[in-house]
Structures are given as C-alpha cells and as structure tokens.
Amino acid sequence: MKTFLTNVCTVRFWIIGWCFAVLMGISHEGWSQKNWTLEFRPGANFPASDLNSNTPLKTGLGVEGIISYNFIPNFGIYAGWGWNKFSSDQSFAGANMDFEGRGYTYGLQYYIPISLTGETKVFFRSGGLWNHIVMKNMEREKVGNTGYGLGWQFETGITVPFIYQWKIQPSISYRSLSREFPFGNSSVEANLNYITLGLGVLWSF
C-alpha cells in the first residue's frame, strides 16, 4: 500500500510538471527560440545503500544517452535511456551476481549562465525514472527481472563550450529506484540508490 501511494504521488507530481512545461512550450516566445541537444554520458556509480540487507553492492559503471529541448532560453525538458551495472560478491540469490538498472529517464532542466559570454552554465535537472533491475549470474545469464517501475533522480553540474556546437558537461546525480524480485513463492525487495559521477559530451543544434 505504501509503495502504491508513493507511485501515485510521483505520477501526480510529474503530470503537473509536464503540464507546466507544455504550457511554456506553446507560447510564442518558447517556440521561437528552439534549442535541441544530444548528449552521450559515461559515468561511475557509487552505491548509496545496499540493494537489500543481504546484498551489498560494489562500485559500478554506466552509460546514458539524452535528448533535451529548451522551450525558452535555459529552461526545458529532457528524456533519455540509460544502463547502469553493479556487482555483488554475496547476494540473496547467491555469490557473484550482477545487477543492471535499465530504462528511461525524463524531467525538467534549468541552466544558469555564470560566464560573461553566457556560454558556461551551471545546470540542474530533476526528474523521474521508468526503470527495471535485471539480475545476471557469472555466465551472464538473466536469472531475475523486477519489471518496470517509477523512480526519481536529481542532477547538477556545469556545461563548458568546447568547439563549435560541441560542449562538455561534468555532472553529479542521485538516483533512487525501489522494486521487487520474484523469488520462489514470495518476493525480495530491491532498492537501487546510487550517486553517479558522469562526463557528458553534448552536441547542440
């Protein structure tokens, strides 16, 4: 029941956020200043907690692709897909298991210029996740899948011009996803909470 209420509140929050973003986008000023960006970002993942009481996680790696659109200067939306892998020497399902968080990310972004030219900016992103957690054994065989569910994330960093339409964007983010693995006749709780240090490469058009 608690999980259901949490998901309902999360959905309600993002519906309100997306409605606000759409209203901003349909304004004349918004559509007259289009700003698309494609981003590729590898990163290192540092667990903020164990997956559960029987499954400590090791530092992992991940990669993400994001497309974003600013309705007005410095404010817009983003969406993307990511893959993040963690290993565990001992887990509820046995030794030497891998846990992969896969799925979609979306939300709102806001940039604050900090240079005289306005090209170097601090940015903030706040959004949701629609992800699942896949469990694999030493042979890289899939042995468990939580199914998709809602999570949330927050990210901040700095955008620095590189050359022409290219930029680099180091960032730090926090992500949280709670799901359950079917296990025997019951289920096992899985909480994937982690901090990511990433280095994005952006192309603006």
Protein backbone atom coordinates (compact mmCIF):
# COMPACT_ATOMS: atom_id res chain seq x y z
CA MET A 1 0.00 0.00 0.00
CA LYS A 2 2.86 2.34 0.86
CA THR A 3 4.53 1.63 -2.49
CA PHE A 4 1.25 2.23 -4.33
CA LEU A 5 0.70 5.61 -2.64
CA THR A 6 4.29 6.61 -3.36
CA ASN A 7 3.86 5.79 -7.06
CA VAL A 8 0.57 7.71 -7.22
CA CYS A 9 2.19 10.81 -5.68
CA THR A 10 5.14 10.53 -8.06
CA VAL A 11 2.88 10.26 -11.10
CA ARG A 12 0.80 13.23 -9.93
CA PHE A 13 3.92 15.35 -9.43
CA TRP A 14 5.22 14.64 -12.92
CA ILE A 15 1.86 15.18 -14.59
CA ILE A 16 1.77 18.68 -13.06
CA GLY A 17 5.38 19.28 -14.12
CA TRP A 18 4.79 18.17 -17.70
CA CYS A 19 1.63 20.27 -17.98
CA PHE A 20 3.64 23.30 -16.87
CA ALA A 21 6.35 22.51 -19.41
CA VAL A 22 3.82 22.14 -22.23
CA LEU A 23 2.22 25.48 -21.37
CA MET A 24 5.64 27.10 -21.52
CA GLY A 25 6.33 25.41 -24.84
CA ILE A 26 3.18 26.53 -26.65
CA SER A 27 3.93 30.19 -26.00
CA HIS A 28 5.15 32.23 -28.99
CA GLU A 29 8.41 33.09 -27.24
CA GLY A 30 9.08 29.45 -26.41
CA TRP A 31 8.74 28.10 -29.94
CA SER A 32 10.71 30.99 -31.48
CA GLN A 33 13.90 30.01 -29.63
CA LYS A 34 14.42 26.30 -30.22
CA ASN A 35 17.43 24.64 -28.64
CA TRP A 36 17.95 20.90 -29.09
CA THR A 37 20.83 18.98 -27.51
CA LEU A 38 22.07 15.40 -27.86
CA GLU A 39 24.21 14.06 -25.02
CA PHE A 40 26.29 10.91 -24.56
CA ARG A 41 27.45 10.33 -20.99
CA PRO A 42 29.52 7.53 -19.43
CA GLY A 43 29.89 7.54 -15.65
CA ALA A 44 30.96 5.81 -12.45
CA ASN A 45 28.26 4.71 -10.00
CA PHE A 46 28.71 4.70 -6.22
CA PRO A 47 26.02 2.82 -4.22
CA ALA A 48 24.40 4.93 -1.50
CA SER A 49 22.93 1.82 0.13
CA ASP A 50 22.88 -1.97 -0.20
CA LEU A 51 20.40 -3.46 -2.64
CA ASN A 52 18.88 -5.10 0.43
CA SER A 53 20.09 -6.42 3.78
CA ASN A 54 21.68 -9.48 2.13
CA THR A 55 23.14 -7.80 -0.96
CA PRO A 56 25.92 -5.21 -0.67
CA LEU A 57 26.86 -3.61 -3.99
CA LYS A 58 30.26 -2.67 -5.40
CA THR A 59 31.07 0.48 -7.38
CA GLY A 60 29.68 0.20 -10.89
CA LEU A 61 29.72 1.76 -14.34
CA GLY A 62 27.04 3.11 -16.62
CA VAL A 63 26.23 4.94 -19.82
CA GLU A 64 23.35 7.14 -20.89
CA GLY A 65 22.02 8.90 -23.97
CA ILE A 66 19.85 12.01 -23.56
CA ILE A 67 17.98 14.37 -25.86
CA SER A 68 16.82 17.72 -24.47
CA TYR A 69 14.84 20.70 -25.70
CA ASN A 70 14.70 24.21 -24.21
CA PHE A 71 11.31 25.89 -24.68
CA ILE A 72 12.84 29.20 -23.64
CA PRO A 73 16.48 30.14 -23.01
CA ASN A 74 17.89 28.00 -20.19
CA PHE A 75 14.69 26.09 -19.37
CA GLY A 76 13.33 22.92 -20.92
CA ILE A 77 12.77 19.18 -20.78
CA TYR A 78 14.92 16.09 -21.30
CA ALA A 79 14.43 12.38 -21.94
CA GLY A 80 16.84 9.50 -22.38
CA TRP A 81 17.80 5.86 -21.86
CA GLY A 82 20.45 4.50 -19.53
CA TRP A 83 22.21 1.30 -18.42
CA ASN A 84 23.96 1.02 -15.06
CA LYS A 85 25.68 -2.12 -13.77
CA PHE A 86 26.62 -3.15 -10.22
CA SER A 87 28.24 -6.35 -8.95
CA SER A 88 27.81 -8.16 -5.65
CA ASP A 89 30.15 -10.79 -4.20
CA GLN A 90 27.35 -12.13 -1.99
CA SER A 91 23.64 -11.63 -2.65
CA PHE A 92 20.23 -13.04 -1.71
CA ALA A 93 20.43 -15.14 -4.90
CA GLY A 94 23.98 -16.45 -4.42
CA ALA A 95 27.58 -15.40 -4.97
CA ASN A 96 28.97 -13.21 -7.75
CA MET A 97 25.79 -11.72 -9.17
CA ASP A 98 25.39 -8.63 -11.36
CA PHE A 99 22.52 -6.18 -11.08
CA GLU A 100 21.73 -3.91 -14.05
CA GLY A 101 19.44 -0.91 -13.81
CA ARG A 102 18.00 -0.25 -17.26
CA GLY A 103 15.38 2.08 -18.60
CA TYR A 104 14.21 5.58 -19.26
CA THR A 105 14.77 8.96 -17.67
CA TYR A 106 12.81 12.20 -18.10
CA GLY A 107 12.21 15.54 -16.45
CA LEU A 108 12.85 19.28 -16.36
CA GLN A 109 16.16 21.14 -16.68
CA TYR A 110 17.30 24.65 -15.85
CA TYR A 111 20.58 26.39 -16.78
CA ILE A 112 22.17 29.41 -15.06
CA PRO A 113 24.85 31.34 -17.05
CA ILE A 114 27.98 32.02 -14.96
CA SER A 115 30.38 33.48 -17.54
CA LEU A 116 30.48 36.91 -19.20
CA THR A 117 29.54 35.38 -22.56
CA GLY A 118 26.77 33.29 -21.01
CA GLU A 119 28.10 30.10 -22.62
CA THR A 120 29.41 28.46 -19.44
CA LYS A 121 26.47 27.45 -17.28
CA VAL A 122 25.52 25.61 -14.10
CA PHE A 123 22.57 23.29 -14.66
CA PHE A 124 20.00 21.44 -12.58
CA ARG A 125 17.83 18.51 -13.63
CA SER A 126 15.00 16.95 -11.67
CA GLY A 127 13.00 14.08 -13.00
CA GLY A 128 11.70 10.58 -12.92
CA LEU A 129 12.85 7.10 -13.88
CA TRP A 130 10.92 4.32 -15.58
CA ASN A 131 13.39 1.50 -14.96
CA HIS A 132 13.74 -2.16 -14.11
CA ILE A 133 16.52 -4.15 -12.44
CA VAL A 134 17.91 -7.23 -14.18
CA MET A 135 19.89 -9.86 -12.24
CA LYS A 136 22.56 -11.96 -14.02
CA ASN A 137 24.82 -14.78 -12.88
CA MET A 138 28.52 -15.39 -13.58
CA GLU A 139 27.68 -16.81 -17.03
CA ARG A 140 25.87 -13.55 -17.87
CA GLU A 141 22.55 -15.39 -17.93
CA LYS A 142 19.47 -13.48 -16.85
CA VAL A 143 18.08 -15.04 -13.68
CA GLY A 144 15.75 -12.31 -12.43
CA ASN A 145 13.86 -9.20 -13.50
CA THR A 146 11.86 -6.82 -11.34
CA GLY A 147 9.75 -5.38 -14.15
CA TYR A 148 9.49 -1.64 -14.80
CA GLY A 149 8.57 0.87 -12.14
CA LEU A 150 8.85 4.53 -11.17
CA GLY A 151 11.88 6.10 -9.51
CA TRP A 152 13.34 9.60 -9.24
CA GLN A 153 16.59 11.48 -9.78
CA PHE A 154 18.30 14.83 -9.24
CA GLU A 155 21.35 16.05 -11.14
CA THR A 156 23.59 19.11 -11.20
CA GLY A 157 26.79 20.07 -12.99
CA ILE A 158 28.43 22.57 -15.30
CA THR A 159 28.33 22.99 -19.09
CA VAL A 160 31.51 24.25 -20.78
CA PRO A 161 31.84 25.15 -24.51
CA PHE A 162 34.40 23.03 -26.35
CA ILE A 163 34.37 23.73 -30.09
CA TYR A 164 31.64 24.94 -32.46
CA GLN A 165 28.39 23.23 -31.38
CA TRP A 166 30.14 20.81 -29.03
CA LYS A 167 30.25 21.09 -25.22
CA ILE A 168 31.39 19.00 -22.28
CA GLN A 169 29.25 18.58 -19.19
CA PRO A 170 30.63 17.02 -15.98
CA SER A 171 27.86 16.25 -13.51
CA ILE A 172 26.85 14.51 -10.30
CA SER A 173 23.47 12.88 -9.85
CA TYR A 174 21.49 10.87 -7.31
CA ARG A 175 19.02 8.19 -8.36
CA SER A 176 16.58 6.07 -6.42
CA LEU A 177 14.53 3.09 -7.59
CA SER A 178 12.64 0.59 -5.40
CA ARG A 179 11.41 -2.66 -6.97
CA GLU A 180 10.88 -6.32 -6.03
CA PHE A 181 12.37 -9.51 -7.46
CA PRO A 182 10.04 -12.52 -7.71
CA PHE A 183 11.88 -15.17 -5.68
CA GLY A 184 10.37 -18.59 -5.06
CA ASN A 185 6.85 -18.23 -3.70
CA SER A 186 7.47 -14.69 -2.48
CA SER A 187 9.44 -11.61 -3.49
CA VAL A 188 12.63 -9.85 -2.42
CA GLU A 189 12.86 -6.07 -2.05
CA ALA A 190 15.50 -4.30 -4.18
CA ASN A 191 16.47 -0.67 -3.53
CA LEU A 192 18.87 0.74 -6.11
CA ASN A 193 20.09 4.06 -4.66
CA TYR A 194 23.31 5.47 -6.05
CA ILE A 195 25.39 8.53 -6.90
CA THR A 196 26.78 8.94 -10.41
CA LEU A 197 29.80 10.99 -11.47
CA GLY A 198 29.47 11.48 -15.22
CA LEU A 199 31.16 13.31 -18.08
CA GLY A 200 28.76 14.20 -20.86
CA VAL A 201 29.63 15.16 -24.43
CA LEU A 202 26.95 17.40 -25.97
CA TRP A 203 26.06 18.44 -29.49
CA SER A 204 23.65 21.38 -29.79
CA PHE A 205 21.51 22.11 -32.83
